[in-house]
Amino acid sequence: MSQFQRFLAKRLTVAAMLTLVAVSVIFFTLRLLPGSPFTTLIASGNLSDAQVKEIMALYGLNQPMWKQYLIYLQNLLTFQFGYSIRQSRPVWSILAPKLANTLILLIPALVTTAVVSTLLGMYAGWNRGSSFEKGSIITTTFLRSTPVFITALLIIIVFSYNLGIFPPFGMRSITATPTGLLDTYLSVDFLYHYILPFGVAVLYYSGDFLLLSRNGVVEKKGSEFLKLHRAKGLSENEQLLQAGRNSMLPVMTYFALRLGMIFQGLILLEVVFAWPGIGRELVIAIQQQDFPVVQAAVFIMALAVIIMNLVADVMYAYFDPTVSSGGEA
């Protein structure tokens, strides 16, 4: 077995263990919380004791904890998420549209930021010490260090309440009744609601990509291969492209990591804008102690993050063999 294959096997084992830990933590945490999903119904007096026991048996909550845990793991392995306690319908039918809403918002924002901020970072790194470099670093660092909900609230105050240009919350108007996929995500009404949360997400992601690409170009600017290209008569722009291309690995790795984290959404962003994404749905499900929805949402989020971390590790090891060899030359 080659060094790369051993590295891959090790990373796959770690990924499996992390997934087990993540889903186990959420399982036991939910069941150790005070009360139960049926506390409100019991207190209202709408259900008799017999009805409560029947419902708990239906969801397997009358079983010993260890048995519930084994059933839970078996269901996750087969992607059977069960039925929502509060909404009485399949969990996947609840989460699928919410996940789509999150991805529709955040993937374009991430791609846009990755492209634009990386190019700006390359230019800033090539012109080290310039006013543009100093200004871009200060601006992006400030935006990245500001909590996303603060940025979102400020944007809403300015563009929704003061200027009245864009709606402050939601994915569409209350009276809107979309009839299909195109009408849902490409209508003027949707785009009108989309601009503010998309803009905040772009601002949130911009700092990391700009600083990563800037640092990479600064590191490569004085390297021997660029001196060789300069001696061959390459123009300033061509040298910049060469430096940028050779400093892309950290940016690509970070993009893969961020792509995995997108599946959990920017929870605070979705809450502030009342965007019906998976992050906001998770918050609602936790408040209602809707175990099946919470468990499925956390499983999807954890799996996406762990898989993309694995992809980033493997990609880095593939392009840089010293990683898989433990740093040996």
Protein backbone atom coordinates (compact mmCIF):
# COMPACT_ATOMS: atom_id res chain seq x y z
CA MET A 1 0.00 0.00 0.00
CA SER A 2 1.40 3.38 -1.02
CA GLN A 3 1.83 6.32 1.33
CA PHE A 4 -1.10 8.10 -0.30
CA GLN A 5 -3.36 5.04 0.12
CA ARG A 6 -2.42 4.74 3.80
CA PHE A 7 -3.11 8.45 4.22
CA LEU A 8 -6.52 8.05 2.54
CA ALA A 9 -7.44 5.03 4.69
CA LYS A 10 -6.50 6.93 7.83
CA ARG A 11 -8.55 9.95 6.83
CA LEU A 12 -11.59 7.78 5.97
CA THR A 13 -11.40 6.14 9.40
CA VAL A 14 -11.19 9.51 11.13
CA ALA A 15 -14.16 10.79 9.06
CA ALA A 16 -16.29 7.80 10.06
CA MET A 17 -15.42 8.26 13.74
CA LEU A 18 -16.21 11.98 13.62
CA THR A 19 -19.58 11.27 12.02
CA LEU A 20 -20.42 8.76 14.76
CA VAL A 21 -19.40 11.21 17.48
CA ALA A 22 -21.44 14.05 15.95
CA VAL A 23 -24.68 12.07 15.59
CA SER A 24 -24.23 10.49 19.03
CA VAL A 25 -23.80 13.86 20.74
CA ILE A 26 -26.99 15.26 19.25
CA PHE A 27 -28.95 12.07 20.10
CA PHE A 28 -28.05 12.05 23.77
CA THR A 29 -28.18 15.84 24.15
CA LEU A 30 -31.77 16.00 22.92
CA ARG A 31 -32.91 13.21 25.23
CA LEU A 32 -31.22 14.68 28.28
CA LEU A 33 -33.04 18.00 27.89
CA PRO A 34 -35.87 18.60 30.39
CA GLY A 35 -39.39 17.88 29.17
CA SER A 36 -40.34 16.04 26.00
CA PRO A 37 -41.79 16.86 22.55
CA PHE A 38 -45.24 16.20 24.01
CA THR A 39 -44.96 18.48 27.05
CA THR A 40 -47.17 21.18 25.51
CA LEU A 41 -49.80 18.69 24.37
CA ILE A 42 -49.92 17.02 27.77
CA ALA A 43 -50.18 20.35 29.58
CA SER A 44 -53.03 21.48 27.29
CA GLY A 45 -55.10 18.48 28.29
CA ASN A 46 -55.94 17.69 24.65
CA LEU A 47 -54.48 14.17 24.92
CA SER A 48 -55.25 11.43 27.40
CA ASP A 49 -52.49 9.39 29.02
CA ALA A 50 -53.33 6.48 26.73
CA GLN A 51 -53.02 8.66 23.64
CA VAL A 52 -49.66 10.03 24.83
CA LYS A 53 -48.33 6.51 25.39
CA GLU A 54 -49.58 5.46 21.96
CA ILE A 55 -47.79 8.37 20.27
CA MET A 56 -44.57 7.77 22.20
CA ALA A 57 -44.68 4.10 21.16
CA LEU A 58 -45.19 5.19 17.54
CA TYR A 59 -41.97 7.22 17.67
CA GLY A 60 -40.10 4.63 19.73
CA LEU A 61 -39.69 6.97 22.71
CA ASN A 62 -40.99 4.32 25.11
CA GLN A 63 -37.99 2.10 24.37
CA PRO A 64 -34.86 2.00 26.56
CA MET A 65 -32.28 4.63 25.62
CA TRP A 66 -29.78 2.13 24.25
CA LYS A 67 -32.38 0.59 21.97
CA GLN A 68 -33.49 4.00 20.72
CA TYR A 69 -29.84 4.74 19.96
CA LEU A 70 -29.31 1.56 17.93
CA ILE A 71 -32.51 2.16 15.94
CA TYR A 72 -31.41 5.75 15.38
CA LEU A 73 -28.02 4.68 13.98
CA GLN A 74 -29.62 2.05 11.76
CA ASN A 75 -32.07 4.59 10.34
CA LEU A 76 -29.31 7.13 9.63
CA LEU A 77 -27.22 4.53 7.82
CA THR A 78 -30.15 3.86 5.50
CA PHE A 79 -31.12 7.57 5.32
CA GLN A 80 -34.52 6.89 6.86
CA PHE A 81 -35.27 10.02 8.86
CA GLY A 82 -38.80 9.10 9.94
CA TYR A 83 -41.68 11.50 10.59
CA SER A 84 -41.73 14.89 12.23
CA ILE A 85 -43.41 14.86 15.64
CA ARG A 86 -44.77 18.38 15.27
CA GLN A 87 -45.72 18.36 11.58
CA SER A 88 -46.71 14.69 11.20
CA ARG A 89 -45.07 14.28 7.81
CA PRO A 90 -41.80 12.78 6.53
CA VAL A 91 -38.74 14.63 7.78
CA TRP A 92 -37.11 14.64 4.35
CA SER A 93 -40.16 16.38 2.83
CA ILE A 94 -39.57 19.16 5.39
CA LEU A 95 -35.79 19.46 5.05
CA ALA A 96 -35.37 19.01 1.29
CA PRO A 97 -36.90 22.39 0.28
CA LYS A 98 -35.17 24.10 3.23
CA LEU A 99 -31.81 22.69 2.15
CA ALA A 100 -32.48 23.82 -1.43
CA ASN A 101 -33.24 27.35 -0.18
CA THR A 102 -29.97 27.43 1.76
CA LEU A 103 -27.91 26.20 -1.20
CA ILE A 104 -29.62 28.63 -3.61
CA LEU A 105 -28.59 31.48 -1.33
CA LEU A 106 -25.11 30.48 -0.22
CA ILE A 107 -23.49 28.62 -3.15
CA PRO A 108 -23.76 31.61 -5.55
CA ALA A 109 -22.54 33.87 -2.74
CA LEU A 110 -19.56 31.62 -2.04
CA VAL A 111 -18.61 31.24 -5.73
CA THR A 112 -18.97 34.98 -6.37
CA THR A 113 -16.85 35.83 -3.35
CA ALA A 114 -14.23 33.20 -4.14
CA VAL A 115 -13.71 34.56 -7.67
CA VAL A 116 -13.88 38.29 -6.97
CA SER A 117 -12.04 38.31 -3.63
CA THR A 118 -9.31 35.98 -4.89
CA LEU A 119 -8.61 38.25 -7.87
CA LEU A 120 -8.59 41.32 -5.62
CA GLY A 121 -6.32 39.54 -3.16
CA MET A 122 -3.89 38.62 -5.93
CA TYR A 123 -3.77 42.25 -7.06
CA ALA A 124 -3.30 43.45 -3.46
CA GLY A 125 -0.48 40.98 -2.85
CA TRP A 126 1.29 41.92 -6.08
CA ASN A 127 1.07 45.61 -5.13
CA ARG A 128 2.24 45.14 -1.56
CA GLY A 129 2.41 48.34 0.45
CA SER A 130 -0.01 50.19 -1.83
CA SER A 131 -3.06 52.08 -0.64
CA PHE A 132 -5.24 49.44 -2.32
CA GLU A 133 -3.64 46.64 -0.31
CA LYS A 134 -3.96 48.48 3.00
CA GLY A 135 -7.55 49.51 2.33
CA SER A 136 -8.64 46.03 1.21
CA ILE A 137 -7.07 44.35 4.23
CA ILE A 138 -8.65 46.80 6.68
CA THR A 139 -12.09 46.57 5.02
CA THR A 140 -12.24 42.78 4.71
CA THR A 141 -10.82 42.21 8.19
CA PHE A 142 -13.46 44.52 9.64
CA LEU A 143 -16.26 42.75 7.73
CA ARG A 144 -15.02 39.29 8.69
CA SER A 145 -14.63 40.15 12.38
CA THR A 146 -18.10 41.69 12.60
CA PRO A 147 -20.77 39.11 13.56
CA VAL A 148 -22.90 38.31 10.53
CA PHE A 149 -26.14 39.18 12.33
CA ILE A 150 -24.82 42.69 13.09
CA THR A 151 -23.97 43.25 9.43
CA ALA A 152 -27.38 41.87 8.42
CA LEU A 153 -29.25 44.14 10.84
CA LEU A 154 -27.34 47.23 9.66
CA ILE A 155 -28.05 46.36 6.02
CA ILE A 156 -31.76 45.89 6.80
CA ILE A 157 -31.95 49.19 8.70
CA VAL A 158 -30.33 51.13 5.85
CA PHE A 159 -31.82 49.51 2.73
CA SER A 160 -35.19 48.33 4.04
CA TYR A 161 -36.35 50.72 6.75
CA ASN A 162 -34.51 53.95 5.91
CA LEU A 163 -34.38 53.80 2.12
CA GLY A 164 -37.27 51.37 1.61
CA ILE A 165 -35.60 49.74 -1.42
CA PHE A 166 -35.67 46.05 -0.51
CA PRO A 167 -37.93 43.91 1.71
CA PRO A 168 -36.44 43.14 5.14
CA PHE A 169 -37.26 39.45 5.43
CA GLY A 170 -38.56 36.33 3.73
CA MET A 171 -37.88 34.67 0.40
CA ARG A 172 -40.98 35.99 -1.35
CA SER A 173 -43.99 38.19 -0.73
CA ILE A 174 -46.75 36.80 1.47
CA THR A 175 -49.22 36.96 -1.42
CA ALA A 176 -46.87 35.22 -3.88
CA THR A 177 -47.91 31.72 -4.98
CA PRO A 178 -45.10 30.15 -7.06
CA THR A 179 -46.24 27.34 -9.34
CA GLY A 180 -42.94 25.76 -10.33
CA LEU A 181 -39.17 25.70 -9.91
CA LEU A 182 -38.50 28.61 -12.27
CA ASP A 183 -41.29 30.66 -10.73
CA THR A 184 -39.90 29.91 -7.26
CA TYR A 185 -36.25 30.83 -7.80
CA LEU A 186 -36.16 33.08 -10.89
CA SER A 187 -39.12 35.37 -10.40
CA VAL A 188 -38.65 39.10 -9.93
CA ASP A 189 -40.23 38.84 -6.49
CA PHE A 190 -37.70 36.20 -5.39
CA LEU A 191 -34.73 38.16 -6.73
CA TYR A 192 -36.03 41.26 -4.96
CA HIS A 193 -35.93 39.38 -1.61
CA TYR A 194 -32.65 37.67 -2.52
CA ILE A 195 -30.40 40.69 -2.91
CA LEU A 196 -29.88 41.67 0.74
CA PRO A 197 -29.10 38.23 2.23
CA PHE A 198 -26.93 37.44 -0.80
CA GLY A 199 -25.01 40.69 -0.31
CA VAL A 200 -24.45 40.03 3.40
CA ALA A 201 -23.20 36.50 2.66
CA VAL A 202 -20.76 37.85 0.06
CA LEU A 203 -19.42 40.40 2.55
CA TYR A 204 -19.10 37.69 5.21
CA TYR A 205 -17.06 35.33 3.01
CA SER A 206 -14.90 37.97 1.28
CA GLY A 207 -12.19 38.49 3.89
CA ASP A 208 -10.82 34.95 4.05
CA PHE A 209 -10.45 34.50 0.30
CA LEU A 210 -8.86 37.91 -0.17
CA LEU A 211 -6.31 37.39 2.60
CA LEU A 212 -5.46 33.85 1.52
CA SER A 213 -4.80 34.80 -2.10
CA ARG A 214 -2.96 37.97 -1.08
CA ASN A 215 -0.64 36.06 1.26
CA GLY A 216 -0.01 33.42 -1.40
CA VAL A 217 1.02 35.99 -4.01
CA VAL A 218 3.24 37.83 -1.53
CA GLU A 219 4.98 34.54 -0.76
CA LYS A 220 5.47 33.66 -4.44
CA LYS A 221 6.45 37.12 -5.63
CA GLY A 222 10.12 36.76 -4.73
CA SER A 223 10.43 33.10 -5.73
CA GLU A 224 12.97 31.75 -8.21
CA PHE A 225 10.43 30.62 -10.78
CA LEU A 226 9.08 34.17 -11.10
CA LYS A 227 12.59 35.52 -11.56
CA LEU A 228 12.97 33.04 -14.41
CA HIS A 229 9.70 34.17 -15.99
CA ARG A 230 10.79 37.79 -15.60
CA ALA A 231 14.07 36.98 -17.33
CA LYS A 232 12.08 35.43 -20.19
CA GLY A 233 10.36 38.75 -20.72
CA LEU A 234 6.90 38.06 -19.29
CA SER A 235 4.81 41.16 -18.72
CA GLU A 236 3.75 42.33 -15.24
CA ASN A 237 0.23 40.92 -15.70
CA GLU A 238 1.55 37.55 -16.91
CA GLN A 239 3.85 37.33 -13.89
CA LEU A 240 0.89 38.11 -11.61
CA LEU A 241 -1.14 35.30 -13.20
CA GLN A 242 1.74 32.86 -12.73
CA ALA A 243 2.12 33.85 -9.07
CA GLY A 244 -1.63 33.59 -8.52
CA ARG A 245 -1.91 30.18 -10.17
CA ASN A 246 0.90 28.78 -8.03
CA SER A 247 -0.69 30.05 -4.81
CA MET A 248 -4.18 28.61 -5.42
CA LEU A 249 -3.92 25.42 -3.34
CA PRO A 250 -4.77 27.07 0.03
CA VAL A 251 -7.65 28.93 -1.64
CA MET A 252 -9.00 25.72 -3.23
CA THR A 253 -8.70 23.89 0.09
CA TYR A 254 -10.53 26.65 1.95
CA PHE A 255 -13.23 26.70 -0.74
CA ALA A 256 -13.82 22.97 -0.22
CA LEU A 257 -14.09 23.45 3.55
CA ARG A 258 -16.52 26.35 3.16
CA LEU A 259 -18.59 24.37 0.67
CA GLY A 260 -19.13 21.69 3.30
CA MET A 261 -20.13 24.23 5.91
CA ILE A 262 -22.70 25.73 3.53
CA PHE A 263 -24.98 22.76 4.21
CA GLN A 264 -25.51 24.03 7.73
CA GLY A 265 -26.32 27.47 6.41
CA LEU A 266 -25.46 30.76 8.02
CA ILE A 267 -27.94 30.17 10.82
CA LEU A 268 -27.92 33.72 12.19
CA LEU A 269 -28.23 35.14 8.67
CA GLU A 270 -31.25 32.95 7.96
CA VAL A 271 -32.85 33.86 11.29
CA VAL A 272 -32.37 37.62 10.84
CA PHE A 273 -33.73 37.60 7.28
CA ALA A 274 -36.36 34.93 8.09
CA TRP A 275 -34.89 33.01 5.16
CA PRO A 276 -36.54 29.55 5.09
CA GLY A 277 -33.29 27.57 5.04
CA ILE A 278 -32.08 24.50 6.87
CA GLY A 279 -30.33 26.54 9.58
CA ARG A 280 -33.50 28.39 10.53
CA GLU A 281 -35.50 25.15 10.38
CA LEU A 282 -33.02 23.57 12.79
CA VAL A 283 -33.51 26.41 15.29
CA ILE A 284 -37.30 25.99 15.11
CA ALA A 285 -37.05 22.21 15.50
CA ILE A 286 -34.80 22.55 18.57
CA GLN A 287 -37.25 24.96 20.19
CA GLN A 288 -40.08 22.48 19.55
CA GLN A 289 -37.96 19.46 20.56
CA ASP A 290 -38.82 17.82 17.25
CA PHE A 291 -36.25 15.02 17.60
CA PRO A 292 -36.49 13.48 14.11
CA VAL A 293 -36.06 16.84 12.34
CA VAL A 294 -33.16 17.93 14.56
CA GLN A 295 -31.38 14.60 14.21
CA ALA A 296 -31.74 14.52 10.43
CA ALA A 297 -30.66 18.16 9.99
CA VAL A 298 -27.58 17.74 12.18
CA PHE A 299 -26.69 14.50 10.41
CA ILE A 300 -26.85 16.18 6.99
CA MET A 301 -24.79 19.14 8.20
CA ALA A 302 -22.17 17.04 9.95
CA LEU A 303 -21.85 14.64 7.02
CA ALA A 304 -21.37 17.48 4.54
CA VAL A 305 -18.69 19.17 6.67
CA ILE A 306 -16.82 15.92 7.31
CA ILE A 307 -16.93 14.87 3.64
CA MET A 308 -15.64 18.23 2.41
CA ASN A 309 -12.91 18.21 5.07
CA LEU A 310 -11.92 14.80 3.75
CA VAL A 311 -11.94 16.13 0.17
CA ALA A 312 -9.75 19.07 1.21
CA ASP A 313 -7.27 16.79 3.00
CA VAL A 314 -7.05 14.39 0.06
CA MET A 315 -6.72 17.22 -2.44
CA TYR A 316 -3.93 18.82 -0.43
CA ALA A 317 -2.12 15.48 -0.06
CA TYR A 318 -2.48 14.77 -3.79
CA PHE A 319 -0.95 18.09 -4.86
CA ASP A 320 1.60 18.16 -2.02
CA PRO A 321 3.02 14.64 -1.44
CA THR A 322 4.88 15.78 1.70
CA VAL A 323 1.50 15.91 3.50
CA SER A 324 0.71 12.21 2.99
CA SER A 325 4.31 11.24 3.73
CA GLY A 326 4.21 12.99 7.11
CA GLY A 327 6.44 15.85 5.99
CA GLU A 328 9.30 13.65 4.80
CA ALA A 329 11.14 14.82 1.74
